[in-house]
Amino acid sequence: MRQHKDCNFSYAGLKTPVRLAIESRNLCTDDIPISSATEEDRQLRANIAASFQRIAVLHLEDRCQRAVEWALKMRPSIKNFVMQISCCC
């Protein structure tokens, strides 16, 4: 969604690359808990999770920056910014 010049946010575009990374490395084994995984698999899972978190936060920062810029154009005297996140499962 980075190409869209609005303030909307979605994880949809972030989930697919993560799923593909997991599937390509055969990590989608629901029957193997993390406690039984090899050290290499645990590290790989941690790296994928950390990468997702990093990109998600960068995306949120980008959208918040756009929202603040937009709000300041509309009301230059604005002093507060509130971000509300909801999840639909």
N, C-alpha and C. Protein backbone atom coordinates (compact mmCIF):
# COMPACT_ATOMS: atom_id res chain seq x y z
N MET A 1 0.81 -1.20 0.00
CA MET A 1 0.00 0.00 0.00
C MET A 1 0.85 1.26 0.00
N ARG A 2 2.14 1.11 0.00
CA ARG A 2 3.00 2.29 0.06
C ARG A 2 2.78 3.21 -1.13
N GLN A 3 2.40 2.64 -2.27
CA GLN A 3 2.20 3.45 -3.45
C GLN A 3 0.96 4.33 -3.35
N HIS A 4 0.04 3.99 -2.47
CA HIS A 4 -1.17 4.81 -2.27
C HIS A 4 -0.82 6.01 -1.40
N LYS A 5 -1.21 7.17 -1.84
CA LYS A 5 -0.86 8.41 -1.14
C LYS A 5 -1.96 8.83 -0.17
N ASP A 6 -2.46 7.88 0.59
CA ASP A 6 -3.46 8.19 1.61
C ASP A 6 -2.95 7.71 2.96
N CYS A 7 -3.82 7.69 3.94
CA CYS A 7 -3.42 7.28 5.30
C CYS A 7 -3.93 5.90 5.67
N ASN A 8 -4.54 5.20 4.73
CA ASN A 8 -5.06 3.87 5.01
C ASN A 8 -3.92 2.89 5.27
N PHE A 9 -4.21 1.90 6.08
CA PHE A 9 -3.19 0.91 6.45
C PHE A 9 -3.78 -0.48 6.37
N SER A 10 -2.99 -1.40 5.86
CA SER A 10 -3.40 -2.80 5.82
C SER A 10 -2.17 -3.69 5.89
N TYR A 11 -2.30 -4.80 6.59
CA TYR A 11 -1.22 -5.79 6.65
C TYR A 11 -1.29 -6.76 5.47
N ALA A 12 -2.32 -6.65 4.65
CA ALA A 12 -2.52 -7.63 3.57
C ALA A 12 -1.28 -7.78 2.69
N GLY A 13 -0.68 -6.68 2.31
CA GLY A 13 0.49 -6.75 1.45
C GLY A 13 1.74 -7.23 2.15
N LEU A 14 1.71 -7.24 3.47
CA LEU A 14 2.86 -7.70 4.24
C LEU A 14 2.78 -9.19 4.56
N LYS A 15 1.56 -9.71 4.65
CA LYS A 15 1.39 -11.10 5.04
C LYS A 15 1.84 -12.08 3.97
N THR A 16 1.59 -11.76 2.72
CA THR A 16 1.92 -12.70 1.64
C THR A 16 3.41 -13.00 1.56
N PRO A 17 4.30 -12.00 1.56
CA PRO A 17 5.73 -12.34 1.52
C PRO A 17 6.18 -13.17 2.73
N VAL A 18 5.58 -12.93 3.88
CA VAL A 18 5.93 -13.71 5.07
C VAL A 18 5.49 -15.16 4.89
N ARG A 19 4.26 -15.34 4.42
CA ARG A 19 3.75 -16.69 4.18
C ARG A 19 4.63 -17.42 3.17
N LEU A 20 5.00 -16.73 2.09
CA LEU A 20 5.84 -17.36 1.07
C LEU A 20 7.23 -17.71 1.62
N ALA A 21 7.78 -16.86 2.47
CA ALA A 21 9.08 -17.15 3.09
C ALA A 21 8.99 -18.38 3.98
N ILE A 22 7.90 -18.48 4.72
CA ILE A 22 7.70 -19.63 5.60
C ILE A 22 7.52 -20.91 4.78
N GLU A 23 6.67 -20.84 3.76
CA GLU A 23 6.42 -22.02 2.93
C GLU A 23 7.67 -22.46 2.17
N SER A 24 8.45 -21.52 1.66
CA SER A 24 9.63 -21.88 0.87
C SER A 24 10.70 -22.55 1.72
N ARG A 25 10.63 -22.35 3.02
CA ARG A 25 11.62 -22.95 3.92
C ARG A 25 11.04 -24.12 4.71
N ASN A 26 9.84 -24.56 4.32
CA ASN A 26 9.16 -25.68 4.98
C ASN A 26 9.03 -25.46 6.49
N LEU A 27 8.72 -24.24 6.89
CA LEU A 27 8.54 -23.95 8.31
C LEU A 27 7.09 -24.01 8.75
N CYS A 28 6.18 -24.27 7.81
CA CYS A 28 4.76 -24.29 8.17
C CYS A 28 4.35 -25.68 8.63
N THR A 29 5.06 -26.18 9.61
CA THR A 29 4.77 -27.49 10.19
C THR A 29 4.04 -27.27 11.51
N ASP A 30 2.72 -27.28 11.44
CA ASP A 30 1.90 -27.03 12.62
C ASP A 30 2.11 -28.07 13.72
N ASP A 31 2.56 -29.26 13.32
CA ASP A 31 2.71 -30.33 14.30
C ASP A 31 4.06 -30.28 15.04
N ILE A 32 4.92 -29.32 14.70
CA ILE A 32 6.21 -29.19 15.39
C ILE A 32 6.24 -27.89 16.18
N PRO A 33 6.07 -27.97 17.49
CA PRO A 33 6.11 -26.74 18.30
C PRO A 33 7.51 -26.14 18.30
N ILE A 34 7.59 -24.88 18.59
CA ILE A 34 8.88 -24.18 18.59
C ILE A 34 9.88 -24.83 19.53
N SER A 35 9.39 -25.39 20.63
CA SER A 35 10.29 -26.04 21.60
C SER A 35 10.95 -27.29 21.04
N SER A 36 10.35 -27.89 20.02
CA SER A 36 10.92 -29.10 19.41
C SER A 36 11.68 -28.81 18.12
N ALA A 37 11.68 -27.57 17.67
CA ALA A 37 12.35 -27.21 16.43
C ALA A 37 13.86 -27.16 16.63
N THR A 38 14.58 -27.32 15.54
CA THR A 38 16.04 -27.22 15.61
C THR A 38 16.43 -25.77 15.87
N GLU A 39 17.65 -25.58 16.31
CA GLU A 39 18.15 -24.22 16.56
C GLU A 39 18.09 -23.39 15.28
N GLU A 40 18.43 -24.02 14.16
CA GLU A 40 18.40 -23.32 12.88
C GLU A 40 16.98 -22.87 12.52
N ASP A 41 16.00 -23.77 12.72
CA ASP A 41 14.60 -23.42 12.45
C ASP A 41 14.11 -22.33 13.39
N ARG A 42 14.49 -22.41 14.66
CA ARG A 42 14.09 -21.37 15.61
C ARG A 42 14.64 -20.01 15.21
N GLN A 43 15.91 -19.99 14.80
CA GLN A 43 16.53 -18.73 14.39
C GLN A 43 15.86 -18.19 13.12
N LEU A 44 15.55 -19.08 12.20
CA LEU A 44 14.89 -18.66 10.96
C LEU A 44 13.50 -18.10 11.25
N ARG A 45 12.75 -18.76 12.13
CA ARG A 45 11.43 -18.26 12.52
C ARG A 45 11.55 -16.89 13.18
N ALA A 46 12.53 -16.75 14.04
CA ALA A 46 12.74 -15.46 14.73
C ALA A 46 13.11 -14.37 13.72
N ASN A 47 13.94 -14.69 12.75
CA ASN A 47 14.34 -13.71 11.74
C ASN A 47 13.16 -13.27 10.89
N ILE A 48 12.32 -14.22 10.49
CA ILE A 48 11.14 -13.88 9.70
C ILE A 48 10.20 -12.99 10.52
N ALA A 49 9.98 -13.36 11.78
CA ALA A 49 9.10 -12.56 12.64
C ALA A 49 9.66 -11.15 12.84
N ALA A 50 10.96 -11.05 13.09
CA ALA A 50 11.59 -9.74 13.30
C ALA A 50 11.51 -8.89 12.03
N SER A 51 11.68 -9.51 10.89
CA SER A 51 11.59 -8.77 9.63
C SER A 51 10.18 -8.24 9.41
N PHE A 52 9.18 -9.08 9.71
CA PHE A 52 7.79 -8.64 9.59
C PHE A 52 7.52 -7.46 10.52
N GLN A 53 7.96 -7.58 11.76
CA GLN A 53 7.74 -6.50 12.73
C GLN A 53 8.39 -5.20 12.27
N ARG A 54 9.60 -5.29 11.76
CA ARG A 54 10.32 -4.10 11.31
C ARG A 54 9.57 -3.40 10.18
N ILE A 55 9.16 -4.17 9.18
CA ILE A 55 8.46 -3.59 8.04
C ILE A 55 7.10 -3.04 8.47
N ALA A 56 6.40 -3.75 9.36
CA ALA A 56 5.10 -3.28 9.83
C ALA A 56 5.24 -1.95 10.55
N VAL A 57 6.25 -1.81 11.39
CA VAL A 57 6.46 -0.55 12.12
C VAL A 57 6.85 0.57 11.16
N LEU A 58 7.71 0.28 10.19
CA LEU A 58 8.08 1.29 9.20
C LEU A 58 6.86 1.77 8.42
N HIS A 59 5.97 0.83 8.09
CA HIS A 59 4.74 1.18 7.36
C HIS A 59 3.83 2.05 8.24
N LEU A 60 3.71 1.68 9.51
CA LEU A 60 2.91 2.51 10.42
C LEU A 60 3.51 3.91 10.56
N GLU A 61 4.82 3.99 10.67
CA GLU A 61 5.48 5.30 10.76
C GLU A 61 5.18 6.14 9.52
N ASP A 62 5.26 5.53 8.36
CA ASP A 62 4.98 6.23 7.11
C ASP A 62 3.55 6.76 7.08
N ARG A 63 2.60 5.92 7.45
CA ARG A 63 1.19 6.33 7.44
C ARG A 63 0.91 7.41 8.48
N CYS A 64 1.52 7.29 9.64
CA CYS A 64 1.33 8.31 10.68
C CYS A 64 1.92 9.64 10.25
N GLN A 65 3.08 9.60 9.62
CA GLN A 65 3.70 10.84 9.12
C GLN A 65 2.79 11.51 8.10
N ARG A 66 2.22 10.72 7.21
CA ARG A 66 1.28 11.27 6.23
C ARG A 66 0.06 11.87 6.91
N ALA A 67 -0.44 11.19 7.92
CA ALA A 67 -1.62 11.69 8.63
C ALA A 67 -1.32 13.01 9.32
N VAL A 68 -0.17 13.11 9.95
CA VAL A 68 0.21 14.36 10.63
C VAL A 68 0.37 15.48 9.61
N GLU A 69 1.04 15.22 8.51
CA GLU A 69 1.21 16.24 7.47
C GLU A 69 -0.14 16.70 6.93
N TRP A 70 -1.02 15.76 6.67
CA TRP A 70 -2.35 16.08 6.17
C TRP A 70 -3.12 16.92 7.19
N ALA A 71 -3.07 16.50 8.46
CA ALA A 71 -3.79 17.23 9.52
C ALA A 71 -3.25 18.64 9.68
N LEU A 72 -1.93 18.80 9.60
CA LEU A 72 -1.33 20.13 9.75
C LEU A 72 -1.69 21.05 8.59
N LYS A 73 -1.88 20.49 7.41
CA LYS A 73 -2.34 21.30 6.28
C LYS A 73 -3.76 21.78 6.51
N MET A 74 -4.57 20.90 7.08
CA MET A 74 -5.98 21.24 7.33
C MET A 74 -6.12 22.19 8.52
N ARG A 75 -5.33 21.94 9.56
CA ARG A 75 -5.38 22.75 10.79
C ARG A 75 -3.97 22.95 11.31
N PRO A 76 -3.31 24.01 10.91
CA PRO A 76 -1.92 24.23 11.33
C PRO A 76 -1.71 24.31 12.84
N SER A 77 -2.75 24.62 13.59
CA SER A 77 -2.61 24.76 15.04
C SER A 77 -2.76 23.43 15.79
N ILE A 78 -2.95 22.35 15.08
CA ILE A 78 -3.17 21.05 15.74
C ILE A 78 -1.96 20.69 16.61
N LYS A 79 -2.24 20.15 17.80
CA LYS A 79 -1.17 19.85 18.75
C LYS A 79 -1.08 18.37 19.13
N ASN A 80 -2.12 17.60 18.85
CA ASN A 80 -2.15 16.20 19.27
C ASN A 80 -2.44 15.29 18.09
N PHE A 81 -1.96 14.07 18.21
CA PHE A 81 -2.21 13.05 17.21
C PHE A 81 -2.59 11.77 17.94
N VAL A 82 -3.70 11.17 17.58
CA VAL A 82 -4.14 9.92 18.19
C VAL A 82 -4.27 8.88 17.08
N MET A 83 -3.68 7.72 17.29
CA MET A 83 -3.78 6.64 16.32
C MET A 83 -4.59 5.52 16.97
N GLN A 84 -5.61 5.08 16.26
CA GLN A 84 -6.43 3.98 16.75
C GLN A 84 -6.27 2.81 15.79
N ILE A 85 -6.02 1.66 16.36
CA ILE A 85 -5.85 0.45 15.55
C ILE A 85 -6.91 -0.56 15.97
N SER A 86 -7.57 -1.12 14.99
CA SER A 86 -8.52 -2.18 15.28
C SER A 86 -8.18 -3.36 14.38
N CYS A 87 -8.61 -4.51 14.80
CA CYS A 87 -8.28 -5.72 14.05
C CYS A 87 -9.56 -6.48 13.76
N CYS A 88 -9.71 -6.88 12.54
CA CYS A 88 -10.84 -7.70 12.14
C CYS A 88 -10.30 -9.09 11.83
N CYS A 89 -10.70 -10.06 12.59
CA CYS A 89 -10.18 -11.42 12.37
C CYS A 89 -11.20 -12.29 11.69
